[in-house]
Amino acid sequence: MTWNILASTHTKWNSAHGGERMTEEAECQRKKRHSIVANAINRELPDVAMLQEVDVRFLPSDWDNGPLPCGVDLSGYKAYRSYAPTRSGVMEGVAILLRSGVWELDTSIPPEANCRRLEKCQRRGRKAGIVLHARRCHDHSQRCCFSSVHLKWGELGPKLAVIADALDEGRLAVPESPIVLGGDFNTRGLYMEPIDELIESKGLSRCPTPKLPTCMGSEEEQIDFIYCSKNLGCSPGSLCSIGNLPRPGKGPWGDAPGDGSDHAWVQVTITSV
């Protein structure tokens, strides 16, 4: 799964919560929305969740198990994060959740290399990334590198920098390891072509998903994608799905079918071949 869960610190850009212009959602709204997000993850139970726009109000830096600040227990997951302060001082970035009993951190790789955090910098458009080497819990010969990225809207250069850095980091520790890349690419339509070309040149291809929009206001196009190494299997007949976007009006603060974000989650079933 890849999913931009809408960081609370960024809700000032969305007036649907009903507050004053350029103000964040209220605390009670945040807790309710975060509960919906956490319950959606518990409902879908992905083996790996690559998340974007995650902040400490949803997933604290020291969270290891038990209830989240919203009160929902995100049971059975181990979290890895790459956070940096926003302009308002809130720690925010990307995260990867590994489902316990399925995937675990690959501790055969040195600690300085098995979880690499791409810090926010000007070259990458002030966007973070994370690269995590994992192995199957009951078969350590099955290894995979997972990466969660969030690209900046607009200029192409910073987007390519994030992707190149993430994929190069993934190859650095284990050159032969397959890679799964998921994220909010903040890019639509024909503008994805140079991004696809770069990722293809690194040995990955985009996983096929239904032709459905993944973000409110994205002009009915997808901007959230999952790519995987070509030695992994993700055929058009695989189980691929896209979650529900919230209804217009109250948006992420409205009722079902939305899952608490202005983005829909994207899930694919990937198998080794």
Protein backbone atom coordinates (compact mmCIF):
# COMPACT_ATOMS: atom_id res chain seq x y z
CA MET A 1 0.00 0.00 0.00
CA THR A 2 1.02 3.57 -0.65
CA TRP A 3 -0.98 6.41 0.89
CA ASN A 4 -0.68 10.13 1.54
CA ILE A 5 -2.63 10.39 4.80
CA LEU A 6 -2.73 14.25 4.92
CA ALA A 7 -0.54 15.70 7.63
CA SER A 8 -2.45 17.80 10.13
CA THR A 9 0.07 20.60 9.69
CA HIS A 10 -0.93 20.86 6.01
CA THR A 11 -4.69 21.10 6.61
CA LYS A 12 -4.37 24.88 6.61
CA TRP A 13 -4.41 24.64 2.81
CA ASN A 14 -7.88 23.03 2.87
CA SER A 15 -10.75 25.16 4.17
CA ALA A 16 -13.23 22.26 4.15
CA HIS A 17 -12.69 21.74 7.88
CA GLY A 18 -14.66 24.95 8.42
CA GLY A 19 -12.07 26.94 10.34
CA GLU A 20 -10.65 30.35 9.62
CA ARG A 21 -8.62 30.79 6.45
CA MET A 22 -5.08 29.35 6.71
CA THR A 23 -5.77 27.62 10.02
CA GLU A 24 -5.32 23.93 10.77
CA GLU A 25 -8.09 21.50 11.60
CA ALA A 26 -9.28 21.52 15.22
CA GLU A 27 -7.87 18.95 17.65
CA CYS A 28 -11.16 17.05 17.81
CA GLN A 29 -11.29 16.96 13.99
CA ARG A 30 -7.70 15.72 13.85
CA LYS A 31 -8.31 12.89 16.32
CA LYS A 32 -11.44 11.78 14.50
CA ARG A 33 -9.73 11.90 11.10
CA HIS A 34 -6.64 10.10 12.37
CA SER A 35 -8.87 7.41 13.88
CA ILE A 36 -10.44 6.87 10.46
CA VAL A 37 -7.00 6.65 8.82
CA ALA A 38 -5.70 4.15 11.41
CA ASN A 39 -8.87 2.07 11.18
CA ALA A 40 -8.52 1.96 7.38
CA ILE A 41 -4.98 0.56 7.73
CA ASN A 42 -6.23 -2.01 10.26
CA ARG A 43 -9.08 -2.92 7.92
CA GLU A 44 -6.93 -3.31 4.80
CA LEU A 45 -4.01 -4.97 6.66
CA PRO A 46 -1.31 -4.37 4.04
CA ASP A 47 1.91 -6.33 4.54
CA VAL A 48 3.78 -3.08 3.88
CA ALA A 49 2.40 0.45 4.05
CA MET A 50 4.43 3.26 2.45
CA LEU A 51 2.99 6.46 3.86
CA GLN A 52 3.45 10.14 3.06
CA GLU A 53 2.51 13.33 4.92
CA VAL A 54 2.92 11.56 8.24
CA ASP A 55 3.49 13.79 11.25
CA VAL A 56 4.17 13.22 14.93
CA ARG A 57 0.56 14.01 15.80
CA PHE A 58 -0.43 10.79 14.01
CA LEU A 59 2.71 8.65 14.44
CA PRO A 60 5.02 9.96 17.20
CA SER A 61 8.76 9.59 16.75
CA ASP A 62 8.94 7.25 19.76
CA TRP A 63 5.85 5.15 18.93
CA ASP A 64 6.65 1.45 18.94
CA ASN A 65 3.38 -0.28 19.79
CA GLY A 66 0.00 0.30 21.35
CA PRO A 67 -2.52 3.10 20.79
CA LEU A 68 -1.70 6.10 18.63
CA PRO A 69 -2.47 9.62 19.94
CA CYS A 70 -5.92 9.33 18.33
CA GLY A 71 -6.63 6.33 20.57
CA VAL A 72 -6.65 3.63 17.87
CA ASP A 73 -4.26 0.72 18.32
CA LEU A 74 -2.28 0.22 15.12
CA SER A 75 -1.57 -3.36 16.11
CA GLY A 76 0.91 -5.64 14.47
CA TYR A 77 3.10 -3.04 12.75
CA LYS A 78 6.66 -1.83 13.16
CA ALA A 79 7.20 1.76 12.03
CA TYR A 80 10.20 3.41 10.36
CA ARG A 81 10.11 7.17 9.76
CA SER A 82 11.95 10.02 8.08
CA TYR A 83 10.82 13.30 9.66
CA ALA A 84 11.95 16.90 9.48
CA PRO A 85 10.41 20.09 10.86
CA THR A 86 7.94 21.99 8.70
CA ARG A 87 7.92 25.78 8.59
CA SER A 88 5.52 25.68 11.53
CA GLY A 89 7.93 23.47 13.48
CA VAL A 90 5.95 20.20 13.34
CA MET A 91 7.95 17.06 12.55
CA GLU A 92 6.56 15.61 9.32
CA GLY A 93 7.67 13.37 6.47
CA VAL A 94 7.27 9.79 5.28
CA ALA A 95 7.06 6.40 6.97
CA ILE A 96 7.02 2.69 6.24
CA LEU A 97 5.01 0.19 8.29
CA LEU A 98 6.04 -3.48 8.21
CA ARG A 99 3.43 -5.98 9.29
CA SER A 100 4.72 -8.18 12.11
CA GLY A 101 5.12 -11.83 11.22
CA VAL A 102 5.38 -11.03 7.50
CA TRP A 103 8.28 -8.61 7.00
CA GLU A 104 11.05 -7.46 9.32
CA LEU A 105 14.06 -5.18 9.10
CA ASP A 106 16.96 -6.98 7.41
CA THR A 107 19.47 -7.00 10.25
CA SER A 108 22.02 -8.88 8.14
CA ILE A 109 22.72 -5.46 6.59
CA PRO A 110 24.71 -3.02 8.78
CA PRO A 111 22.51 -0.62 10.80
CA GLU A 112 23.85 2.40 8.95
CA ALA A 113 22.60 0.94 5.67
CA ASN A 114 19.42 -1.08 6.33
CA CYS A 115 17.27 2.00 6.93
CA ARG A 116 18.34 5.12 5.06
CA ARG A 117 16.53 8.40 5.60
CA LEU A 118 16.62 10.97 2.80
CA GLU A 119 16.47 14.25 4.65
CA LYS A 120 14.69 17.29 3.30
CA CYS A 121 16.97 19.57 1.29
CA GLN A 122 16.68 22.21 -1.40
CA ARG A 123 17.92 19.85 -4.12
CA ARG A 124 15.05 17.46 -3.37
CA GLY A 125 12.48 20.23 -3.12
CA ARG A 126 12.37 20.11 0.68
CA LYS A 127 10.76 16.66 0.52
CA ALA A 128 11.77 13.57 2.52
CA GLY A 129 12.17 9.93 1.58
CA ILE A 130 13.01 6.65 3.27
CA VAL A 131 14.68 3.47 2.00
CA LEU A 132 14.20 0.30 4.06
CA HIS A 133 15.73 -3.14 3.51
CA ALA A 134 13.47 -5.94 4.73
CA ARG A 135 13.29 -9.72 4.71
CA ARG A 136 10.50 -12.25 5.09
CA CYS A 137 10.11 -13.24 8.73
CA HIS A 138 10.01 -16.99 8.02
CA ASP A 139 12.29 -17.06 5.01
CA HIS A 140 15.27 -14.74 5.25
CA SER A 141 16.30 -15.60 1.70
CA GLN A 142 13.36 -13.48 0.47
CA ARG A 143 14.54 -9.90 0.69
CA CYS A 144 13.18 -6.65 -0.66
CA CYS A 145 13.92 -2.95 -0.44
CA PHE A 146 10.94 -0.65 0.15
CA SER A 147 10.97 3.09 -0.40
CA SER A 148 8.37 5.75 0.38
CA VAL A 149 8.71 9.13 -1.34
CA HIS A 150 6.78 12.39 -1.52
CA LEU A 151 7.59 14.60 -4.49
CA LYS A 152 7.22 18.36 -4.64
CA TRP A 153 4.52 19.85 -6.82
CA GLY A 154 5.81 21.68 -9.91
CA GLU A 155 9.44 21.70 -11.02
CA LEU A 156 10.75 18.43 -12.46
CA GLY A 157 14.36 18.59 -11.22
CA PRO A 158 13.67 18.05 -7.50
CA LYS A 159 11.30 15.19 -8.32
CA LEU A 160 13.95 13.35 -10.30
CA ALA A 161 16.47 13.98 -7.52
CA VAL A 162 14.28 12.30 -4.89
CA ILE A 163 13.65 9.26 -7.08
CA ALA A 164 17.28 8.86 -8.19
CA ASP A 165 18.54 9.21 -4.61
CA ALA A 166 16.01 6.70 -3.27
CA LEU A 167 16.71 4.06 -5.91
CA ASP A 168 20.48 4.55 -5.75
CA GLU A 169 20.38 4.17 -1.96
CA GLY A 170 18.39 0.98 -2.37
CA ARG A 171 21.00 -0.51 -4.68
CA LEU A 172 23.95 0.65 -2.59
CA ALA A 173 23.63 -1.85 0.27
CA VAL A 174 22.32 -4.84 -1.74
CA PRO A 175 22.74 -4.33 -5.50
CA GLU A 176 20.70 -7.41 -6.41
CA SER A 177 17.78 -6.70 -4.06
CA PRO A 178 14.38 -6.09 -5.69
CA ILE A 179 12.83 -2.70 -4.95
CA VAL A 180 9.27 -1.53 -4.37
CA LEU A 181 8.78 2.23 -4.62
CA GLY A 182 5.58 3.92 -3.54
CA GLY A 183 4.58 7.50 -3.09
CA ASP A 184 2.73 10.68 -3.85
CA PHE A 185 4.32 11.80 -7.11
CA ASN A 186 2.40 15.10 -7.29
CA THR A 187 2.51 14.78 -11.08
CA ARG A 188 -0.16 13.85 -13.56
CA GLY A 189 -0.70 12.82 -17.14
CA LEU A 190 2.04 13.36 -19.70
CA TYR A 191 4.22 15.09 -17.10
CA MET A 192 4.88 11.62 -15.63
CA GLU A 193 6.80 10.55 -18.75
CA PRO A 194 10.31 11.68 -17.66
CA ILE A 195 9.68 10.24 -14.19
CA ASP A 196 8.60 6.91 -15.68
CA GLU A 197 11.65 6.94 -17.95
CA LEU A 198 14.02 7.43 -15.02
CA ILE A 199 12.39 4.69 -12.97
CA GLU A 200 12.37 2.32 -15.96
CA SER A 201 16.09 3.00 -16.46
CA LYS A 202 16.63 1.86 -12.86
CA GLY A 203 14.95 -1.49 -13.57
CA LEU A 204 11.46 -0.84 -12.19
CA SER A 205 8.07 -0.56 -13.84
CA ARG A 206 4.77 0.89 -12.72
CA CYS A 207 2.28 -1.54 -11.18
CA PRO A 208 -1.04 -1.55 -13.06
CA THR A 209 -4.00 -0.16 -11.13
CA PRO A 210 -7.58 0.84 -11.98
CA LYS A 211 -7.84 4.14 -13.84
CA LEU A 212 -9.24 6.09 -10.92
CA PRO A 213 -8.23 9.43 -9.38
CA THR A 214 -6.20 9.28 -6.18
CA CYS A 215 -6.36 12.90 -4.99
CA MET A 216 -9.09 15.49 -4.58
CA GLY A 217 -8.64 18.27 -7.10
CA SER A 218 -6.27 16.26 -9.30
CA GLU A 219 -8.54 16.61 -12.35
CA GLU A 220 -9.60 12.98 -12.27
CA GLU A 221 -6.09 11.63 -12.70
CA GLN A 222 -3.80 9.52 -10.55
CA ILE A 223 -0.82 11.07 -8.82
CA ASP A 224 -0.07 8.22 -6.37
CA PHE A 225 1.72 5.14 -7.72
CA ILE A 226 3.61 1.97 -6.86
CA TYR A 227 6.56 0.68 -8.91
CA CYS A 228 8.43 -2.59 -8.50
CA SER A 229 11.53 -4.26 -9.89
CA LYS A 230 10.91 -6.14 -13.10
CA ASN A 231 11.95 -9.43 -11.47
CA LEU A 232 8.87 -9.14 -9.26
CA GLY A 233 5.41 -10.04 -10.47
CA CYS A 234 2.60 -7.49 -10.69
CA SER A 235 0.57 -8.35 -13.75
CA PRO A 236 -2.62 -6.60 -14.89
CA GLY A 237 -4.54 -9.54 -13.45
CA SER A 238 -3.08 -9.03 -9.99
CA LEU A 239 -5.18 -7.81 -7.10
CA CYS A 240 -4.81 -4.05 -7.48
CA SER A 241 -7.17 -1.55 -5.92
CA ILE A 242 -7.64 2.13 -5.14
CA GLY A 243 -9.52 3.38 -2.10
CA ASN A 244 -12.35 5.87 -1.97
CA LEU A 245 -11.84 9.61 -2.13
CA PRO A 246 -14.00 11.71 0.20
CA ARG A 247 -17.06 13.46 -1.13
CA PRO A 248 -16.78 17.14 -2.09
CA GLY A 249 -17.89 19.58 0.54
CA LYS A 250 -16.45 18.50 3.88
CA GLY A 251 -13.73 16.47 2.16
CA PRO A 252 -11.52 14.51 4.59
CA TRP A 253 -13.75 15.68 7.46
CA GLY A 254 -16.89 14.25 5.89
CA ASP A 255 -18.60 10.90 6.25
CA ALA A 256 -17.87 7.64 4.43
CA PRO A 257 -16.79 6.53 1.89
CA GLY A 258 -13.63 8.56 2.46
CA ASP A 259 -10.88 7.18 4.71
CA GLY A 260 -9.78 10.41 6.40
CA SER A 261 -7.40 11.85 3.80
CA ASP A 262 -7.65 13.92 0.63
CA HIS A 263 -5.81 11.06 -1.11
CA ALA A 264 -7.00 7.54 -1.79
CA TRP A 265 -4.77 4.63 -0.85
CA VAL A 266 -3.33 2.45 -3.61
CA GLN A 267 -2.78 -1.28 -3.07
CA VAL A 268 -1.19 -3.91 -5.28
CA THR A 269 -0.36 -7.57 -4.84
CA ILE A 270 3.27 -8.25 -5.75
CA THR A 271 4.77 -11.71 -6.00
CA SER A 272 8.27 -12.92 -6.81
CA VAL A 273 8.71 -14.69 -10.14
